[in-house]
Protein backbone atom coordinates (compact mmCIF):
# COMPACT_ATOMS: atom_id res chain seq x y z
CA MET A 1 -28.40 -53.74 1.51
CA GLY A 2 -31.66 -56.08 1.93
CA ARG A 3 -33.77 -53.32 3.46
CA ASN A 4 -33.67 -50.01 4.73
CA THR A 5 -31.92 -49.52 8.13
CA ARG A 6 -32.21 -46.57 10.31
CA LEU A 7 -28.48 -45.88 11.43
CA THR A 8 -28.87 -42.89 13.95
CA GLN A 9 -30.51 -39.84 14.43
CA ALA A 10 -27.37 -38.30 13.95
CA ARG A 11 -26.13 -36.71 10.86
CA PRO A 12 -22.43 -36.23 11.19
CA ALA A 13 -20.75 -33.73 9.14
CA LYS A 14 -18.49 -36.73 8.05
CA ALA A 15 -19.75 -40.20 7.55
CA ILE A 16 -17.38 -43.45 7.43
CA VAL A 17 -18.76 -46.56 6.29
CA LEU A 18 -15.96 -49.62 6.21
CA LEU A 19 -17.21 -52.56 4.47
CA ALA A 20 -15.75 -55.50 5.36
CA ASP A 21 -16.25 -58.11 2.88
CA GLY A 22 -17.38 -61.52 4.02
CA LEU A 23 -18.09 -60.50 7.84
CA GLY A 24 -20.93 -62.64 8.58
CA GLN A 25 -22.83 -62.23 11.78
CA SER A 26 -22.56 -66.01 12.75
CA ALA A 27 -18.73 -66.05 12.35
CA LEU A 28 -18.28 -62.64 14.09
CA LYS A 29 -20.25 -64.34 17.20
CA ALA A 30 -18.47 -67.35 16.99
CA ARG A 31 -15.08 -65.53 17.30
CA GLN A 32 -16.23 -62.68 19.55
CA GLY A 33 -13.48 -62.82 22.04
CA HIS A 34 -10.94 -62.25 19.29
CA ALA A 35 -12.92 -59.18 17.96
CA ARG A 36 -13.89 -57.35 21.06
CA SER A 37 -14.12 -53.64 19.68
CA LEU A 38 -16.56 -54.92 16.77
CA VAL A 39 -18.48 -56.63 19.20
CA ALA A 40 -18.65 -53.80 21.81
CA ALA A 41 -20.06 -51.67 18.82
CA GLN A 42 -22.86 -53.85 18.07
CA SER A 43 -25.43 -52.00 20.08
CA GLY A 44 -28.81 -49.63 19.13
CA PRO A 45 -31.45 -50.72 16.62
CA ASP A 46 -30.45 -52.90 13.97
CA PRO A 47 -27.42 -54.42 15.15
CA VAL A 48 -27.76 -57.57 12.54
CA ILE A 49 -29.20 -56.62 9.19
CA GLU A 50 -29.99 -58.81 6.33
CA VAL A 51 -28.26 -58.20 2.66
CA GLY A 52 -29.94 -58.79 -0.50
CA PHE A 53 -29.90 -61.92 -3.17
CA PRO A 54 -27.63 -62.89 -4.13
CA THR A 55 -25.29 -62.84 -1.13
CA THR A 56 -22.56 -61.99 -3.57
CA THR A 57 -20.21 -59.13 -3.69
CA ALA A 58 -21.00 -57.55 -6.92
CA ALA A 59 -24.74 -57.29 -6.06
CA SER A 60 -24.62 -56.24 -2.37
CA LEU A 61 -21.54 -53.72 -2.51
CA THR A 62 -23.60 -52.02 -5.62
CA SER A 63 -27.01 -52.04 -3.40
CA LEU A 64 -24.99 -50.61 -0.67
CA THR A 65 -23.32 -47.69 -2.63
CA THR A 66 -26.78 -47.29 -4.89
CA GLY A 67 -29.18 -47.75 -1.96
CA SER A 68 -31.30 -49.89 -4.50
CA THR A 69 -31.55 -53.42 -5.12
CA PRO A 70 -29.85 -55.58 -7.69
CA GLY A 71 -33.26 -55.41 -9.89
CA THR A 72 -32.96 -51.65 -10.11
CA HIS A 73 -29.08 -51.04 -10.40
CA GLY A 74 -28.57 -54.36 -12.67
CA ILE A 75 -25.69 -55.88 -10.95
CA VAL A 76 -27.65 -59.08 -10.25
CA GLY A 77 -24.87 -61.87 -9.74
CA TYR A 78 -21.48 -62.97 -9.57
CA SER A 79 -21.64 -63.70 -13.11
CA VAL A 80 -24.69 -63.09 -15.03
CA LEU A 81 -26.09 -63.31 -18.66
CA ASP A 82 -25.04 -60.07 -21.10
CA PRO A 83 -27.95 -60.72 -23.47
CA ASP A 84 -27.07 -58.50 -26.10
CA ARG A 85 -23.97 -60.52 -26.91
CA ASP A 86 -25.47 -64.06 -25.56
CA ARG A 87 -22.43 -64.40 -23.18
CA ILE A 88 -21.66 -64.73 -19.36
CA VAL A 89 -20.12 -62.03 -18.08
CA ASN A 90 -17.78 -62.40 -14.25
CA GLN A 91 -19.46 -58.99 -12.90
CA LEU A 92 -16.28 -58.44 -10.60
CA ASN A 93 -13.58 -58.82 -13.04
CA GLY A 94 -14.72 -59.66 -16.43
CA TRP A 95 -15.43 -56.04 -17.74
CA ASP A 96 -14.09 -55.11 -21.03
CA SER A 97 -15.24 -52.75 -24.25
CA GLY A 98 -18.23 -54.52 -24.51
CA MET A 99 -19.88 -53.63 -21.32
CA ASP A 100 -20.13 -50.17 -20.33
CA PRO A 101 -19.88 -49.32 -16.34
CA PHE A 102 -21.74 -45.86 -16.54
CA THR A 103 -25.11 -47.56 -18.18
CA TRP A 104 -24.69 -51.40 -17.21
CA GLN A 105 -24.72 -50.39 -13.62
CA ARG A 106 -28.07 -47.94 -13.76
CA VAL A 107 -28.54 -46.00 -10.76
CA PRO A 108 -26.34 -42.83 -9.44
CA THR A 109 -24.13 -43.62 -6.77
CA VAL A 110 -24.72 -42.23 -3.42
CA PHE A 111 -20.98 -40.71 -4.06
CA GLU A 112 -22.44 -38.75 -7.24
CA ARG A 113 -25.50 -37.58 -5.29
CA ALA A 114 -23.20 -36.53 -2.41
CA ALA A 115 -20.78 -34.66 -4.90
CA GLU A 116 -23.88 -32.77 -6.14
CA ASP A 117 -24.73 -31.64 -2.89
CA GLY A 118 -21.26 -30.21 -2.17
CA VAL A 119 -20.32 -32.97 0.02
CA HIS A 120 -16.54 -34.85 -0.82
CA ALA A 121 -17.17 -38.08 -1.79
CA ILE A 122 -14.27 -40.69 -1.38
CA ALA A 123 -13.21 -44.05 -1.71
CA ILE A 124 -10.55 -46.33 -0.27
CA GLY A 125 -9.19 -49.69 -1.25
CA PRO A 126 -6.39 -51.46 -2.77
CA GLU A 127 -4.29 -50.15 -5.52
CA ARG A 128 -5.36 -52.82 -7.89
CA PHE A 129 -9.05 -51.99 -7.81
CA ARG A 130 -8.67 -48.29 -8.78
CA HIS A 131 -9.30 -48.59 -12.64
CA SER A 132 -11.40 -51.80 -12.44
CA GLY A 133 -14.75 -52.09 -14.23
CA PHE A 134 -16.58 -53.10 -11.38
CA SER A 135 -14.83 -50.00 -9.15
CA ARG A 136 -16.47 -47.22 -12.50
CA ALA A 137 -19.71 -49.18 -12.06
CA ALA A 138 -20.62 -49.57 -7.75
CA LEU A 139 -17.85 -46.20 -7.21
CA ARG A 140 -18.48 -43.89 -9.77
CA GLY A 141 -18.36 -40.21 -8.60
CA ALA A 142 -15.58 -41.11 -5.83
CA VAL A 143 -12.41 -39.77 -5.77
CA TYR A 144 -10.29 -43.40 -5.25
CA ARG A 145 -7.45 -43.17 -2.83
CA ALA A 146 -5.27 -46.24 -2.15
CA GLY A 147 -4.03 -48.03 0.70
CA GLU A 148 -2.54 -51.72 0.62
CA THR A 149 -3.36 -53.09 4.49
CA ILE A 150 -6.50 -52.43 6.55
CA SER A 151 -4.24 -49.83 8.83
CA GLU A 152 -3.16 -48.42 5.71
CA ARG A 153 -6.49 -47.61 4.21
CA LEU A 154 -7.38 -46.27 7.78
CA ASP A 155 -4.52 -43.85 7.78
CA GLN A 156 -5.54 -42.80 4.42
CA ALA A 157 -9.45 -42.29 5.66
CA ARG A 158 -8.23 -40.26 8.87
CA ARG A 159 -6.05 -38.08 6.37
CA SER A 160 -8.98 -37.43 4.36
CA LEU A 161 -11.35 -36.41 6.83
CA ASP A 162 -8.68 -34.09 8.14
CA GLU A 163 -8.68 -32.44 4.29
CA VAL A 164 -12.49 -31.45 4.25
CA ASP A 165 -15.46 -29.96 6.41
CA ARG A 166 -18.40 -32.51 4.81
CA ALA A 167 -17.52 -36.11 3.69
CA VAL A 168 -18.72 -39.19 2.74
CA LEU A 169 -16.23 -42.10 2.80
CA TYR A 170 -16.13 -45.69 1.57
CA VAL A 171 -13.50 -48.06 2.94
CA TYR A 172 -13.02 -51.50 1.57
CA VAL A 173 -11.64 -54.40 3.34
CA PRO A 174 -11.35 -57.40 1.04
CA GLU A 175 -9.09 -59.85 3.48
CA LEU A 176 -11.51 -61.86 5.36
CA ASP A 177 -13.42 -62.91 2.14
CA LYS A 178 -9.99 -63.49 0.23
CA VAL A 179 -9.02 -65.95 3.11
CA ALA A 180 -12.12 -67.25 3.63
CA HIS A 181 -11.81 -68.58 0.02
CA ALA A 182 -8.75 -69.81 0.73
CA SER A 183 -8.82 -71.26 3.97
CA GLY A 184 -12.35 -71.12 5.25
CA VAL A 185 -14.08 -68.83 7.66
CA GLU A 186 -13.36 -71.36 10.51
CA SER A 187 -9.74 -71.56 9.88
CA GLY A 188 -6.74 -69.73 12.15
CA GLU A 189 -6.03 -67.51 9.24
CA TRP A 190 -9.59 -66.21 9.07
CA THR A 191 -9.32 -65.79 12.92
CA GLU A 192 -5.97 -63.98 12.52
CA ALA A 193 -7.67 -61.55 9.70
CA LEU A 194 -10.33 -60.61 11.79
CA GLU A 195 -8.20 -59.83 14.63
CA GLU A 196 -6.33 -57.34 12.45
CA LEU A 197 -9.30 -55.84 11.04
CA ASP A 198 -10.39 -55.41 15.13
CA ALA A 199 -7.19 -54.03 15.83
CA ALA A 200 -7.34 -51.07 13.06
CA VAL A 201 -10.92 -50.42 13.97
CA ARG A 202 -10.07 -49.20 17.28
CA THR A 203 -7.39 -47.47 16.77
CA PHE A 204 -9.14 -45.35 13.88
CA SER A 205 -12.34 -45.19 15.78
CA ASN A 206 -10.24 -43.38 18.81
CA THR A 207 -9.27 -40.58 16.40
CA LEU A 208 -12.92 -39.57 15.60
CA ARG A 209 -14.14 -36.14 16.31
CA ARG A 210 -17.71 -35.07 17.32
CA ASP A 211 -18.67 -34.73 13.80
CA GLU A 212 -17.38 -38.31 12.43
CA GLY A 213 -19.12 -41.14 12.55
CA LEU A 214 -18.21 -44.76 11.30
CA ILE A 215 -20.19 -47.81 10.29
CA VAL A 216 -18.99 -51.11 9.93
CA THR A 217 -20.74 -54.00 8.04
CA ALA A 218 -20.60 -56.30 5.28
CA ASP A 219 -21.63 -57.33 2.03
CA HIS A 220 -22.36 -60.96 2.67
CA GLY A 221 -21.33 -63.89 4.90
CA VAL A 222 -19.24 -67.04 4.37
CA LEU A 223 -19.80 -70.67 5.55
CA ASP A 224 -17.58 -73.23 4.69
CA VAL A 225 -18.01 -76.28 2.50
CA PRO A 226 -16.00 -78.75 2.14
CA GLU A 227 -14.82 -80.85 -1.32
CA ARG A 228 -16.99 -83.94 -0.37
CA SER A 229 -19.88 -81.76 -0.63
CA HIS A 230 -19.45 -80.75 -4.31
CA VAL A 231 -22.19 -81.44 -6.50
CA LEU A 232 -21.25 -81.90 -10.33
CA VAL A 233 -23.98 -81.18 -12.37
CA ASP A 234 -23.38 -82.52 -15.35
CA GLU A 235 -23.12 -85.80 -13.73
CA LEU A 236 -26.80 -85.72 -12.63
CA PRO A 237 -29.06 -86.89 -15.15
CA GLY A 238 -31.30 -84.65 -17.31
CA LEU A 239 -30.55 -81.23 -15.54
CA LEU A 240 -28.86 -79.51 -17.92
CA ASP A 241 -30.65 -80.55 -20.83
CA GLY A 242 -32.12 -77.19 -22.51
CA VAL A 243 -29.72 -75.17 -20.68
CA ARG A 244 -27.44 -73.11 -22.59
CA HIS A 245 -25.67 -71.03 -20.10
CA ILE A 246 -24.63 -71.33 -16.47
CA GLY A 247 -24.09 -68.32 -14.67
CA GLY A 248 -23.85 -66.94 -10.54
CA GLU A 249 -21.62 -69.13 -8.41
CA PRO A 250 -21.42 -72.33 -6.83
CA ARG A 251 -24.00 -71.67 -3.92
CA CYS A 252 -26.26 -70.12 -6.39
CA LEU A 253 -26.49 -70.91 -10.03
CA GLN A 254 -28.23 -69.03 -12.61
CA LEU A 255 -29.35 -70.99 -15.44
CA TYR A 256 -30.08 -69.62 -19.21
CA CYS A 257 -32.24 -71.87 -21.42
CA GLU A 258 -32.15 -72.04 -24.81
CA PRO A 259 -34.45 -69.83 -26.58
CA ASP A 260 -36.99 -73.35 -27.45
CA ALA A 261 -36.72 -74.88 -24.11
CA ASP A 262 -39.08 -75.44 -21.50
CA VAL A 263 -38.25 -73.52 -18.56
CA ALA A 264 -41.04 -75.05 -16.40
CA ALA A 265 -39.73 -78.32 -17.47
CA VAL A 266 -36.37 -77.39 -16.74
CA ALA A 267 -37.38 -75.94 -13.41
CA ASP A 268 -39.27 -79.15 -12.59
CA ARG A 269 -36.48 -81.40 -13.45
CA TRP A 270 -34.13 -79.80 -10.58
CA ARG A 271 -37.00 -79.90 -8.42
CA GLU A 272 -37.40 -83.24 -8.57
CA SER A 273 -33.51 -83.91 -7.93
CA GLU A 274 -32.37 -81.36 -5.37
CA ALA A 275 -35.29 -80.31 -3.59
CA ASP A 276 -34.16 -81.03 -0.47
CA ARG A 277 -30.92 -79.55 -0.77
CA ALA A 278 -31.67 -76.41 -2.67
CA TRP A 279 -33.96 -73.87 -3.48
CA VAL A 280 -35.36 -73.94 -7.27
CA ALA A 281 -37.02 -70.94 -8.58
CA THR A 282 -37.90 -70.03 -12.19
CA ARG A 283 -37.00 -66.36 -12.82
CA ASP A 284 -41.04 -65.38 -12.70
CA GLU A 285 -40.93 -66.73 -9.23
CA ALA A 286 -38.10 -65.07 -7.81
CA ILE A 287 -38.98 -61.87 -8.99
CA ALA A 288 -42.38 -62.25 -7.57
CA ALA A 289 -40.88 -63.31 -4.54
CA GLY A 290 -38.82 -60.19 -4.40
CA TRP A 291 -35.46 -62.11 -4.59
CA PHE A 292 -34.10 -59.00 -6.55
CA GLY A 293 -36.62 -56.03 -5.25
CA ALA A 294 -38.27 -54.39 -8.02
CA VAL A 295 -37.22 -55.63 -11.33
CA ASP A 296 -37.00 -53.26 -14.03
CA ASP A 297 -37.56 -54.34 -17.47
CA ALA A 298 -33.95 -53.64 -18.75
CA VAL A 299 -32.25 -55.92 -16.13
CA ARG A 300 -34.84 -58.85 -16.46
CA GLY A 301 -32.91 -60.68 -19.03
CA ARG A 302 -29.94 -60.80 -16.89
CA ILE A 303 -31.38 -62.88 -14.31
CA GLY A 304 -31.04 -66.21 -15.12
CA ASP A 305 -34.42 -68.36 -16.42
CA VAL A 306 -34.25 -70.85 -13.46
CA LEU A 307 -32.14 -70.17 -10.28
CA ILE A 308 -30.64 -72.42 -7.59
CA ALA A 309 -29.77 -71.53 -4.54
CA ALA A 310 -28.19 -73.81 -2.08
CA ARG A 311 -30.09 -74.82 0.79
CA LYS A 312 -27.83 -77.22 2.28
CA ARG A 313 -24.20 -76.59 3.13
CA ILE A 314 -22.90 -77.55 -0.78
CA ALA A 315 -21.79 -76.27 -3.83
CA TYR A 316 -22.51 -76.81 -7.30
CA TYR A 317 -19.87 -76.82 -10.26
CA ASP A 318 -19.82 -77.89 -13.78
CA GLY A 319 -17.37 -80.46 -14.69
CA ARG A 320 -17.30 -79.83 -18.33
CA SER A 321 -15.59 -76.30 -17.55
CA VAL A 322 -12.53 -75.43 -16.43
CA GLN A 323 -13.57 -72.19 -15.21
CA SER A 324 -15.84 -73.73 -12.93
CA LEU A 325 -13.68 -76.77 -11.50
CA ARG A 326 -10.86 -73.99 -10.54
CA GLY A 327 -13.43 -72.41 -7.74
CA ARG A 328 -13.05 -76.35 -6.36
CA GLY A 329 -10.40 -74.81 -4.76
CA MET A 330 -12.38 -72.20 -2.58
CA VAL A 331 -13.28 -73.35 0.73
CA GLY A 332 -15.41 -70.85 2.01
CA GLN A 333 -18.50 -69.96 -0.17
CA HIS A 334 -21.43 -67.74 -0.60
CA GLY A 335 -24.31 -66.52 -2.78
CA SER A 336 -27.30 -68.39 -1.18
CA LEU A 337 -29.98 -67.63 1.00
CA SER A 338 -28.90 -68.97 4.38
CA ASP A 339 -28.81 -67.04 7.68
CA GLU A 340 -24.44 -67.38 7.48
CA GLU A 341 -24.42 -65.84 4.28
CA SER A 342 -27.60 -63.16 4.28
CA ARG A 343 -26.90 -61.77 8.22
CA VAL A 344 -24.13 -59.24 8.87
CA PRO A 345 -23.25 -56.85 11.58
CA LEU A 346 -24.18 -53.17 12.05
CA LEU A 347 -21.44 -51.47 14.02
CA ARG A 348 -21.62 -47.85 14.74
CA PHE A 349 -18.68 -45.58 16.16
CA GLY A 350 -18.34 -42.24 16.91
CA ALA A 351 -21.29 -39.97 15.88
CA PHE A 352 -23.13 -42.68 14.97
CA ALA A 353 -23.02 -44.64 18.17
CA SER A 354 -24.56 -41.93 20.03
């Protein structure tokens, strides 16, 4: 996550972290009447925390499971440059034989460290993620167990806890993010998914023993971007001059320049055009500002030469790219630095609430 957060004085023998993908603090607050169990657990120090940059699942989830920042673990965005092969690779579902999860993600996970200490490490999520490259990068060291609904995953968590005396469990809930992308975080469908999460957490938290603690948090929040606020970058004169690849995502572009391009000039053109609706920074400026945390030399080339982080409720697309245009069907979006995207709840149950 974005910074070190002291959870509690308690050190339960069995710790569970449920990551609700896309559960931003602003959205939770706006619908607090539909999530009474979650809101009631938002007490103690740091009830709201800030995730790191960029506010995207691949980077933020890996920060959670490694305890390090993107500049160290190496997952620096949704889609980023593989410098050795001069290609953009989707960090969630674009893994292939040319990208080794065990070396691209550069930091031992909390699961690997727990196992070394004799603590059972278990990750629970949908079956479809069991063998993904991203799971092997971010969840390595954990035994993977599957459940297809939120309740099934928490039932699996309960069974897993009952089998061992010491454990760290991670439970992944993608439902809210999926609904937000399809229908928007302000939709009735998103509220229904929140209610489902609230009910499942309430049922599970009532089963916690004295030596078990549950944390519910998120990797990022979401805001809705209407189609009328989409910006086609290929229609903005001169902004793609000198740009070889476009990575990142619609609310946080990472521009990779041609070898002979003047990066400062590229950044200046974007500032002149977009400064009123986006933060524009060169790689060096972003690193100096600490956007990615400390950046290792091996990771530096993965970060865009120029970063465009949406300031207003807009999203950038490349009209020349079929893949980019497919994304225009998304309503809920994230990736940038706004409070809606970066502030998430930290909810404590069981031993962590004491």
